[in-house]
Amino acid sequence: MSSLKHSFTEQAKHATLVFEREIPSAVSEVFDAFASAKIRSEWGAPSDTAVIIYDTENFSEGGFDRYRCGSKQNPNIHGTTHYLEIIKNNRIVSTETIVMEGKRLCASLTTLELEQTGKTTRLLSTTQVASFVGDSMIKGHEDGHNSSFTNLVRYFSDRQQA
């Protein structure tokens, strides 16, 4: 039996979240920005006050990453990403669980697709999320992904201007 605390007082909340971005870079460079935890930590935090710290990195089919995130002063949210399918420069399918203080907050399945469109890369990300702590986790997931993907666009825009 899992050591995580579970609360069965509330029904799980479900949502499908779809994110789309045009990224000013080649698809191979965008793929590499997902493949490397070091690069992901540069653009992945949703705000200037937040941080993502990768403790374990194994970007391969069947592999997993373990990370901590949250405020820079207290990254107390723990996540695990398992990679189900990786097709270089095309698609990444993964699951993720997020835990805080021993309580599982949510689980998700994400399909990330990349397509070269001229000089840019079209990113399409579809996440199916189950929140075990109410609607606020769904909203947080949506806001966090939107901010992170906006940061990814900015990351590549800044690199072009340098």
N, C-alpha and C. Protein backbone atom coordinates (compact mmCIF):
# COMPACT_ATOMS: atom_id res chain seq x y z
N MET A 1 0.83 -1.19 0.00
CA MET A 1 0.00 0.00 0.00
C MET A 1 0.87 1.24 0.00
N SER A 2 0.48 2.22 -0.74
CA SER A 2 1.22 3.47 -0.86
C SER A 2 1.28 4.21 0.47
N SER A 3 2.38 4.90 0.70
CA SER A 3 2.52 5.69 1.92
C SER A 3 1.88 7.07 1.78
N LEU A 4 1.38 7.41 0.59
CA LEU A 4 0.74 8.69 0.38
C LEU A 4 -0.60 8.73 1.08
N LYS A 5 -0.92 9.90 1.62
CA LYS A 5 -2.22 10.09 2.26
C LYS A 5 -3.27 10.32 1.17
N HIS A 6 -4.40 9.68 1.32
CA HIS A 6 -5.48 9.86 0.36
C HIS A 6 -6.70 10.40 1.07
N SER A 7 -7.45 11.24 0.39
CA SER A 7 -8.70 11.76 0.91
C SER A 7 -9.80 11.36 -0.05
N PHE A 8 -10.73 10.57 0.43
CA PHE A 8 -11.82 10.12 -0.42
C PHE A 8 -13.08 10.94 -0.18
N THR A 9 -12.94 12.10 0.45
CA THR A 9 -14.10 12.94 0.75
C THR A 9 -14.55 13.76 -0.45
N GLU A 10 -13.72 13.85 -1.46
CA GLU A 10 -14.05 14.68 -2.61
C GLU A 10 -13.88 13.87 -3.89
N GLN A 11 -14.79 14.05 -4.84
CA GLN A 11 -14.69 13.40 -6.14
C GLN A 11 -13.50 13.98 -6.90
N ALA A 12 -12.85 13.15 -7.68
CA ALA A 12 -11.78 13.64 -8.55
C ALA A 12 -12.39 14.57 -9.59
N LYS A 13 -11.65 15.61 -9.92
CA LYS A 13 -12.04 16.55 -10.97
C LYS A 13 -11.20 16.25 -12.19
N HIS A 14 -11.81 16.30 -13.37
CA HIS A 14 -11.11 15.95 -14.60
C HIS A 14 -11.20 17.10 -15.60
N ALA A 15 -10.14 17.23 -16.40
CA ALA A 15 -10.15 18.24 -17.46
C ALA A 15 -9.19 17.82 -18.56
N THR A 16 -9.50 18.25 -19.76
CA THR A 16 -8.58 18.12 -20.89
C THR A 16 -8.14 19.53 -21.25
N LEU A 17 -6.84 19.75 -21.18
CA LEU A 17 -6.26 21.06 -21.44
C LEU A 17 -5.45 21.00 -22.72
N VAL A 18 -5.67 21.94 -23.61
CA VAL A 18 -4.97 21.98 -24.89
C VAL A 18 -4.22 23.30 -24.98
N PHE A 19 -2.93 23.20 -25.33
CA PHE A 19 -2.06 24.37 -25.44
C PHE A 19 -1.42 24.35 -26.82
N GLU A 20 -1.35 25.52 -27.44
CA GLU A 20 -0.73 25.64 -28.76
C GLU A 20 0.19 26.85 -28.76
N ARG A 21 1.36 26.68 -29.37
CA ARG A 21 2.29 27.80 -29.50
C ARG A 21 3.04 27.68 -30.82
N GLU A 22 3.42 28.83 -31.37
CA GLU A 22 4.35 28.90 -32.49
C GLU A 22 5.67 29.34 -31.89
N ILE A 23 6.69 28.54 -32.07
CA ILE A 23 7.99 28.79 -31.44
C ILE A 23 9.00 29.15 -32.53
N PRO A 24 9.69 30.28 -32.37
CA PRO A 24 10.60 30.75 -33.42
C PRO A 24 11.93 30.00 -33.43
N SER A 25 11.86 28.72 -33.80
CA SER A 25 13.06 27.89 -33.85
C SER A 25 12.75 26.61 -34.60
N ALA A 26 13.81 25.91 -34.97
CA ALA A 26 13.68 24.63 -35.66
C ALA A 26 13.13 23.57 -34.69
N VAL A 27 12.39 22.62 -35.24
CA VAL A 27 11.78 21.58 -34.42
C VAL A 27 12.83 20.80 -33.63
N SER A 28 14.01 20.57 -34.20
CA SER A 28 15.05 19.82 -33.48
C SER A 28 15.51 20.57 -32.23
N GLU A 29 15.59 21.89 -32.29
CA GLU A 29 16.00 22.68 -31.13
C GLU A 29 14.91 22.70 -30.06
N VAL A 30 13.65 22.76 -30.49
CA VAL A 30 12.53 22.73 -29.53
C VAL A 30 12.48 21.36 -28.86
N PHE A 31 12.65 20.30 -29.63
CA PHE A 31 12.67 18.96 -29.05
C PHE A 31 13.78 18.86 -28.01
N ASP A 32 14.96 19.38 -28.33
CA ASP A 32 16.09 19.34 -27.39
C ASP A 32 15.78 20.11 -26.11
N ALA A 33 14.96 21.16 -26.21
CA ALA A 33 14.59 21.94 -25.02
C ALA A 33 13.71 21.13 -24.07
N PHE A 34 13.05 20.11 -24.58
CA PHE A 34 12.28 19.19 -23.73
C PHE A 34 13.14 18.01 -23.28
N ALA A 35 14.06 17.59 -24.12
CA ALA A 35 14.87 16.41 -23.82
C ALA A 35 15.88 16.66 -22.70
N SER A 36 16.30 17.88 -22.50
CA SER A 36 17.31 18.22 -21.50
C SER A 36 16.67 18.86 -20.27
N ALA A 37 16.82 18.22 -19.11
CA ALA A 37 16.29 18.79 -17.87
C ALA A 37 16.97 20.13 -17.57
N LYS A 38 18.24 20.25 -17.92
CA LYS A 38 18.96 21.51 -17.68
C LYS A 38 18.28 22.66 -18.45
N ILE A 39 17.97 22.42 -19.72
CA ILE A 39 17.31 23.46 -20.52
C ILE A 39 15.88 23.66 -20.03
N ARG A 40 15.16 22.57 -19.72
CA ARG A 40 13.79 22.68 -19.21
C ARG A 40 13.73 23.54 -17.95
N SER A 41 14.74 23.42 -17.09
CA SER A 41 14.72 24.21 -15.86
C SER A 41 14.92 25.70 -16.14
N GLU A 42 15.47 26.05 -17.31
CA GLU A 42 15.66 27.46 -17.68
C GLU A 42 14.35 28.14 -18.08
N TRP A 43 13.44 27.40 -18.72
CA TRP A 43 12.20 28.02 -19.20
C TRP A 43 10.95 27.46 -18.53
N GLY A 44 11.05 26.36 -17.80
CA GLY A 44 9.86 25.66 -17.32
C GLY A 44 9.15 26.24 -16.12
N ALA A 45 9.85 27.00 -15.28
CA ALA A 45 9.18 27.59 -14.12
C ALA A 45 8.18 28.63 -14.60
N PRO A 46 6.97 28.62 -14.04
CA PRO A 46 5.93 29.50 -14.57
C PRO A 46 6.09 30.99 -14.23
N SER A 47 7.00 31.33 -13.29
CA SER A 47 7.18 32.74 -12.95
C SER A 47 8.62 32.96 -12.47
N ASP A 48 8.97 34.24 -12.30
CA ASP A 48 10.32 34.58 -11.85
C ASP A 48 10.55 34.20 -10.39
N THR A 49 9.49 33.99 -9.64
CA THR A 49 9.63 33.63 -8.22
C THR A 49 9.61 32.12 -8.01
N ALA A 50 9.42 31.36 -9.09
CA ALA A 50 9.32 29.89 -8.98
C ALA A 50 10.59 29.23 -9.52
N VAL A 51 10.74 27.95 -9.16
CA VAL A 51 11.91 27.19 -9.58
C VAL A 51 11.51 25.74 -9.85
N ILE A 52 12.24 25.09 -10.74
CA ILE A 52 12.12 23.65 -10.96
C ILE A 52 13.53 23.07 -10.80
N ILE A 53 13.66 22.09 -9.92
CA ILE A 53 14.94 21.45 -9.65
C ILE A 53 14.80 19.97 -10.00
N TYR A 54 15.57 19.49 -10.96
CA TYR A 54 15.52 18.09 -11.36
C TYR A 54 16.49 17.28 -10.51
N ASP A 55 15.97 16.31 -9.78
CA ASP A 55 16.80 15.43 -8.94
C ASP A 55 17.20 14.18 -9.69
N THR A 56 16.35 13.72 -10.61
CA THR A 56 16.62 12.54 -11.43
C THR A 56 16.17 12.87 -12.84
N GLU A 57 17.00 12.51 -13.83
CA GLU A 57 16.65 12.77 -15.23
C GLU A 57 16.95 11.53 -16.05
N ASN A 58 15.92 11.03 -16.74
CA ASN A 58 16.10 9.92 -17.68
C ASN A 58 15.10 10.08 -18.81
N PHE A 59 15.44 10.95 -19.76
CA PHE A 59 14.56 11.22 -20.89
C PHE A 59 14.74 10.11 -21.92
N SER A 60 14.00 9.03 -21.73
CA SER A 60 13.99 7.90 -22.65
C SER A 60 12.67 7.17 -22.46
N GLU A 61 12.25 6.43 -23.48
CA GLU A 61 11.02 5.64 -23.31
C GLU A 61 11.20 4.71 -22.14
N GLY A 62 10.25 4.73 -21.21
CA GLY A 62 10.34 3.94 -19.99
C GLY A 62 11.09 4.64 -18.88
N GLY A 63 11.75 5.76 -19.19
CA GLY A 63 12.51 6.50 -18.19
C GLY A 63 11.61 7.47 -17.42
N PHE A 64 12.21 8.11 -16.43
CA PHE A 64 11.44 9.07 -15.65
C PHE A 64 12.34 10.17 -15.11
N ASP A 65 11.70 11.31 -14.85
CA ASP A 65 12.33 12.44 -14.18
C ASP A 65 11.64 12.61 -12.84
N ARG A 66 12.42 12.99 -11.83
CA ARG A 66 11.86 13.40 -10.54
C ARG A 66 12.34 14.82 -10.31
N TYR A 67 11.41 15.66 -9.85
CA TYR A 67 11.75 17.06 -9.67
C TYR A 67 11.02 17.64 -8.47
N ARG A 68 11.51 18.81 -8.04
CA ARG A 68 10.85 19.61 -7.02
C ARG A 68 10.57 20.97 -7.63
N CYS A 69 9.45 21.56 -7.26
CA CYS A 69 9.13 22.88 -7.78
C CYS A 69 8.35 23.66 -6.74
N GLY A 70 8.15 24.92 -7.04
CA GLY A 70 7.45 25.82 -6.13
C GLY A 70 8.22 27.12 -6.04
N SER A 71 8.04 27.82 -4.94
CA SER A 71 8.76 29.08 -4.77
C SER A 71 10.26 28.79 -4.65
N LYS A 72 11.07 29.77 -5.03
CA LYS A 72 12.52 29.59 -4.94
C LYS A 72 12.96 29.32 -3.51
N GLN A 73 12.25 29.88 -2.53
CA GLN A 73 12.60 29.69 -1.13
C GLN A 73 12.15 28.33 -0.59
N ASN A 74 11.12 27.73 -1.21
CA ASN A 74 10.57 26.48 -0.68
C ASN A 74 9.98 25.63 -1.79
N PRO A 75 10.83 24.96 -2.59
CA PRO A 75 10.30 24.10 -3.65
C PRO A 75 9.78 22.78 -3.07
N ASN A 76 8.58 22.84 -2.48
CA ASN A 76 8.04 21.72 -1.70
C ASN A 76 7.02 20.87 -2.46
N ILE A 77 6.88 21.09 -3.74
CA ILE A 77 5.98 20.28 -4.56
C ILE A 77 6.86 19.30 -5.33
N HIS A 78 6.52 18.02 -5.25
CA HIS A 78 7.32 16.97 -5.87
C HIS A 78 6.57 16.38 -7.05
N GLY A 79 7.28 16.19 -8.15
CA GLY A 79 6.68 15.61 -9.34
C GLY A 79 7.50 14.48 -9.89
N THR A 80 6.81 13.55 -10.54
CA THR A 80 7.46 12.46 -11.26
C THR A 80 6.84 12.39 -12.65
N THR A 81 7.68 12.43 -13.66
CA THR A 81 7.24 12.30 -15.05
C THR A 81 7.77 10.98 -15.59
N HIS A 82 6.89 10.16 -16.14
CA HIS A 82 7.26 8.89 -16.79
C HIS A 82 7.05 9.07 -18.29
N TYR A 83 8.07 8.69 -19.07
CA TYR A 83 8.00 8.83 -20.53
C TYR A 83 7.50 7.53 -21.16
N LEU A 84 6.36 7.61 -21.83
CA LEU A 84 5.73 6.44 -22.43
C LEU A 84 6.15 6.25 -23.89
N GLU A 85 6.27 7.36 -24.61
CA GLU A 85 6.67 7.30 -26.02
C GLU A 85 7.45 8.56 -26.36
N ILE A 86 8.57 8.37 -27.04
CA ILE A 86 9.36 9.51 -27.52
C ILE A 86 9.72 9.23 -28.97
N ILE A 87 9.26 10.11 -29.85
CA ILE A 87 9.63 10.05 -31.25
C ILE A 87 10.38 11.36 -31.53
N LYS A 88 11.68 11.24 -31.72
CA LYS A 88 12.56 12.41 -31.85
C LYS A 88 11.99 13.42 -32.85
N ASN A 89 11.98 14.67 -32.41
CA ASN A 89 11.53 15.81 -33.23
C ASN A 89 10.07 15.73 -33.65
N ASN A 90 9.28 14.90 -32.94
CA ASN A 90 7.88 14.74 -33.34
C ASN A 90 6.91 14.68 -32.17
N ARG A 91 7.11 13.72 -31.23
CA ARG A 91 6.10 13.51 -30.19
C ARG A 91 6.74 13.00 -28.91
N ILE A 92 6.17 13.47 -27.77
CA ILE A 92 6.53 12.99 -26.44
C ILE A 92 5.22 12.71 -25.71
N VAL A 93 5.06 11.49 -25.23
CA VAL A 93 3.88 11.13 -24.44
C VAL A 93 4.37 10.75 -23.05
N SER A 94 3.77 11.38 -22.03
CA SER A 94 4.24 11.15 -20.66
C SER A 94 3.08 11.20 -19.68
N THR A 95 3.33 10.60 -18.51
CA THR A 95 2.41 10.75 -17.39
C THR A 95 3.14 11.53 -16.31
N GLU A 96 2.36 12.16 -15.43
CA GLU A 96 2.96 12.94 -14.35
C GLU A 96 2.09 12.82 -13.12
N THR A 97 2.73 12.69 -11.97
CA THR A 97 2.02 12.80 -10.69
C THR A 97 2.67 13.93 -9.90
N ILE A 98 1.85 14.65 -9.17
CA ILE A 98 2.32 15.76 -8.35
C ILE A 98 1.88 15.52 -6.91
N VAL A 99 2.83 15.65 -5.99
CA VAL A 99 2.61 15.35 -4.57
C VAL A 99 3.13 16.52 -3.74
N MET A 100 2.42 16.84 -2.67
CA MET A 100 2.90 17.84 -1.72
C MET A 100 2.58 17.36 -0.31
N GLU A 101 3.59 17.37 0.55
CA GLU A 101 3.44 16.96 1.95
C GLU A 101 2.79 15.57 2.05
N GLY A 102 3.22 14.66 1.19
CA GLY A 102 2.74 13.30 1.24
C GLY A 102 1.35 13.08 0.66
N LYS A 103 0.75 14.10 0.06
CA LYS A 103 -0.59 13.98 -0.50
C LYS A 103 -0.53 14.14 -2.02
N ARG A 104 -1.05 13.15 -2.73
CA ARG A 104 -1.10 13.23 -4.19
C ARG A 104 -2.14 14.26 -4.58
N LEU A 105 -1.69 15.25 -5.36
CA LEU A 105 -2.57 16.34 -5.78
C LEU A 105 -3.24 16.05 -7.11
N CYS A 106 -2.48 15.45 -8.05
CA CYS A 106 -3.06 15.18 -9.36
C CYS A 106 -2.22 14.15 -10.11
N ALA A 107 -2.81 13.64 -11.16
CA ALA A 107 -2.13 12.77 -12.11
C ALA A 107 -2.57 13.21 -13.50
N SER A 108 -1.65 13.07 -14.47
CA SER A 108 -2.00 13.53 -15.82
C SER A 108 -1.32 12.69 -16.89
N LEU A 109 -1.90 12.77 -18.07
CA LEU A 109 -1.34 12.17 -19.28
C LEU A 109 -1.19 13.30 -20.29
N THR A 110 0.03 13.46 -20.83
CA THR A 110 0.29 14.55 -21.77
C THR A 110 0.84 14.00 -23.07
N THR A 111 0.28 14.51 -24.18
CA THR A 111 0.81 14.23 -25.51
C THR A 111 1.29 15.57 -26.06
N LEU A 112 2.59 15.66 -26.32
CA LEU A 112 3.21 16.86 -26.86
C LEU A 112 3.62 16.56 -28.29
N GLU A 113 3.13 17.36 -29.24
CA GLU A 113 3.45 17.15 -30.64
C GLU A 113 4.14 18.39 -31.19
N LEU A 114 5.17 18.16 -32.00
CA LEU A 114 5.94 19.23 -32.62
C LEU A 114 5.91 19.07 -34.13
N GLU A 115 5.75 20.20 -34.83
CA GLU A 115 5.70 20.16 -36.28
C GLU A 115 6.42 21.38 -36.84
N GLN A 116 7.34 21.15 -37.77
CA GLN A 116 8.03 22.27 -38.42
C GLN A 116 7.06 22.97 -39.35
N THR A 117 6.92 24.27 -39.21
CA THR A 117 6.04 25.07 -40.07
C THR A 117 6.85 26.26 -40.58
N GLY A 118 7.56 26.04 -41.66
CA GLY A 118 8.44 27.08 -42.18
C GLY A 118 9.62 27.27 -41.25
N LYS A 119 9.79 28.50 -40.75
CA LYS A 119 10.91 28.80 -39.85
C LYS A 119 10.54 28.64 -38.38
N THR A 120 9.31 28.24 -38.11
CA THR A 120 8.87 28.07 -36.72
C THR A 120 8.46 26.62 -36.47
N THR A 121 8.27 26.33 -35.20
CA THR A 121 7.76 25.01 -34.78
C THR A 121 6.40 25.20 -34.15
N ARG A 122 5.45 24.43 -34.61
CA ARG A 122 4.12 24.42 -34.00
C ARG A 122 4.14 23.40 -32.88
N LEU A 123 3.84 23.85 -31.66
CA LEU A 123 3.73 22.98 -30.50
C LEU A 123 2.25 22.79 -30.19
N LEU A 124 1.83 21.54 -30.05
CA LEU A 124 0.48 21.22 -29.62
C LEU A 124 0.61 20.27 -28.44
N SER A 125 0.10 20.67 -27.30
CA SER A 125 0.17 19.85 -26.10
C SER A 125 -1.24 19.62 -25.57
N THR A 126 -1.59 18.35 -25.39
CA THR A 126 -2.89 17.99 -24.84
C THR A 126 -2.65 17.23 -23.54
N THR A 127 -3.20 17.74 -22.45
CA THR A 127 -3.05 17.13 -21.14
C THR A 127 -4.42 16.75 -20.60
N GLN A 128 -4.53 15.51 -20.19
CA GLN A 128 -5.73 15.03 -19.50
C GLN A 128 -5.33 14.91 -18.03
N VAL A 129 -5.96 15.72 -17.20
CA VAL A 129 -5.55 15.80 -15.80
C VAL A 129 -6.70 15.38 -14.88
N ALA A 130 -6.34 14.65 -13.84
CA ALA A 130 -7.29 14.30 -12.77
C ALA A 130 -6.77 14.95 -11.50
N SER A 131 -7.55 15.85 -10.93
CA SER A 131 -7.19 16.52 -9.69
C SER A 131 -7.88 15.81 -8.53
N PHE A 132 -7.12 15.57 -7.48
CA PHE A 132 -7.66 14.92 -6.30
C PHE A 132 -7.92 15.91 -5.17
N VAL A 133 -7.72 17.21 -5.48
CA VAL A 133 -7.89 18.25 -4.46
C VAL A 133 -8.78 19.39 -4.95
N GLY A 134 -9.58 19.14 -5.97
CA GLY A 134 -10.54 20.14 -6.41
C GLY A 134 -10.13 20.90 -7.66
N ASP A 135 -11.00 21.85 -8.01
CA ASP A 135 -10.84 22.62 -9.24
C ASP A 135 -9.60 23.51 -9.25
N SER A 136 -9.13 23.93 -8.08
CA SER A 136 -7.98 24.83 -8.05
C SER A 136 -6.73 24.18 -8.64
N MET A 137 -6.61 22.86 -8.52
CA MET A 137 -5.45 22.17 -9.10
C MET A 137 -5.54 22.16 -10.63
N ILE A 138 -6.74 22.02 -11.15
CA ILE A 138 -6.94 22.09 -12.61
C ILE A 138 -6.53 23.48 -13.10
N LYS A 139 -6.99 24.51 -12.41
CA LYS A 139 -6.67 25.90 -12.78
C LYS A 139 -5.16 26.13 -12.67
N GLY A 140 -4.54 25.62 -11.62
CA GLY A 140 -3.10 25.77 -11.44
C GLY A 140 -2.32 25.07 -12.54
N HIS A 141 -2.78 23.88 -12.93
CA HIS A 141 -2.15 23.12 -14.01
C HIS A 141 -2.23 23.93 -15.31
N GLU A 142 -3.41 24.47 -15.58
CA GLU A 142 -3.62 25.26 -16.80
C GLU A 142 -2.75 26.52 -16.80
N ASP A 143 -2.78 27.27 -15.70
CA ASP A 143 -1.99 28.49 -15.61
C ASP A 143 -0.49 28.20 -15.71
N GLY A 144 -0.05 27.15 -15.02
CA GLY A 144 1.37 26.79 -15.04
C GLY A 144 1.86 26.42 -16.42
N HIS A 145 1.08 25.59 -17.12
CA HIS A 145 1.47 25.20 -18.48
C HIS A 145 1.46 26.40 -19.43
N ASN A 146 0.42 27.23 -19.34
CA ASN A 146 0.37 28.42 -20.20
C ASN A 146 1.61 29.29 -19.98
N SER A 147 1.96 29.54 -18.73
CA SER A 147 3.12 30.38 -18.43
C SER A 147 4.41 29.73 -18.90
N SER A 148 4.55 28.42 -18.66
CA SER A 148 5.77 27.72 -19.07
C SER A 148 5.94 27.74 -20.59
N PHE A 149 4.86 27.50 -21.33
CA PHE A 149 4.97 27.51 -22.79
C PHE A 149 5.24 28.92 -23.31
N THR A 150 4.69 29.94 -22.67
CA THR A 150 5.01 31.32 -23.03
C THR A 150 6.49 31.58 -22.77
N ASN A 151 7.01 31.07 -21.66
CA ASN A 151 8.44 31.20 -21.36
C ASN A 151 9.29 30.48 -22.40
N LEU A 152 8.82 29.34 -22.91
CA LEU A 152 9.55 28.61 -23.94
C LEU A 152 9.66 29.44 -25.21
N VAL A 153 8.58 30.08 -25.61
CA VAL A 153 8.61 30.97 -26.78
C VAL A 153 9.61 32.10 -26.53
N ARG A 154 9.56 32.70 -25.34
CA ARG A 154 10.48 33.79 -24.99
C ARG A 154 11.94 33.30 -24.98
N TYR A 155 12.17 32.08 -24.48
CA TYR A 155 13.51 31.50 -24.44
C TYR A 155 14.11 31.47 -25.85
N PHE A 156 13.34 31.01 -26.83
CA PHE A 156 13.85 30.96 -28.19
C PHE A 156 13.90 32.33 -28.85
N SER A 157 12.96 33.21 -28.55
CA SER A 157 12.99 34.57 -29.08
C SER A 157 14.26 35.30 -28.60
N ASP A 158 14.58 35.15 -27.30
CA ASP A 158 15.78 35.78 -26.73
C ASP A 158 17.05 35.23 -27.36
N ARG A 159 17.07 33.93 -27.65
CA ARG A 159 18.26 33.32 -28.27
C ARG A 159 18.48 33.86 -29.67
N GLN A 160 17.38 34.13 -30.39
CA GLN A 160 17.52 34.67 -31.76
C GLN A 160 18.06 36.08 -31.74
N GLN A 161 17.70 36.85 -30.72
CA GLN A 161 18.12 38.25 -30.64
C GLN A 161 19.55 38.39 -30.11
N ALA A 162 20.06 37.35 -29.46
CA ALA A 162 21.42 37.43 -28.88
C ALA A 162 22.49 37.36 -29.93
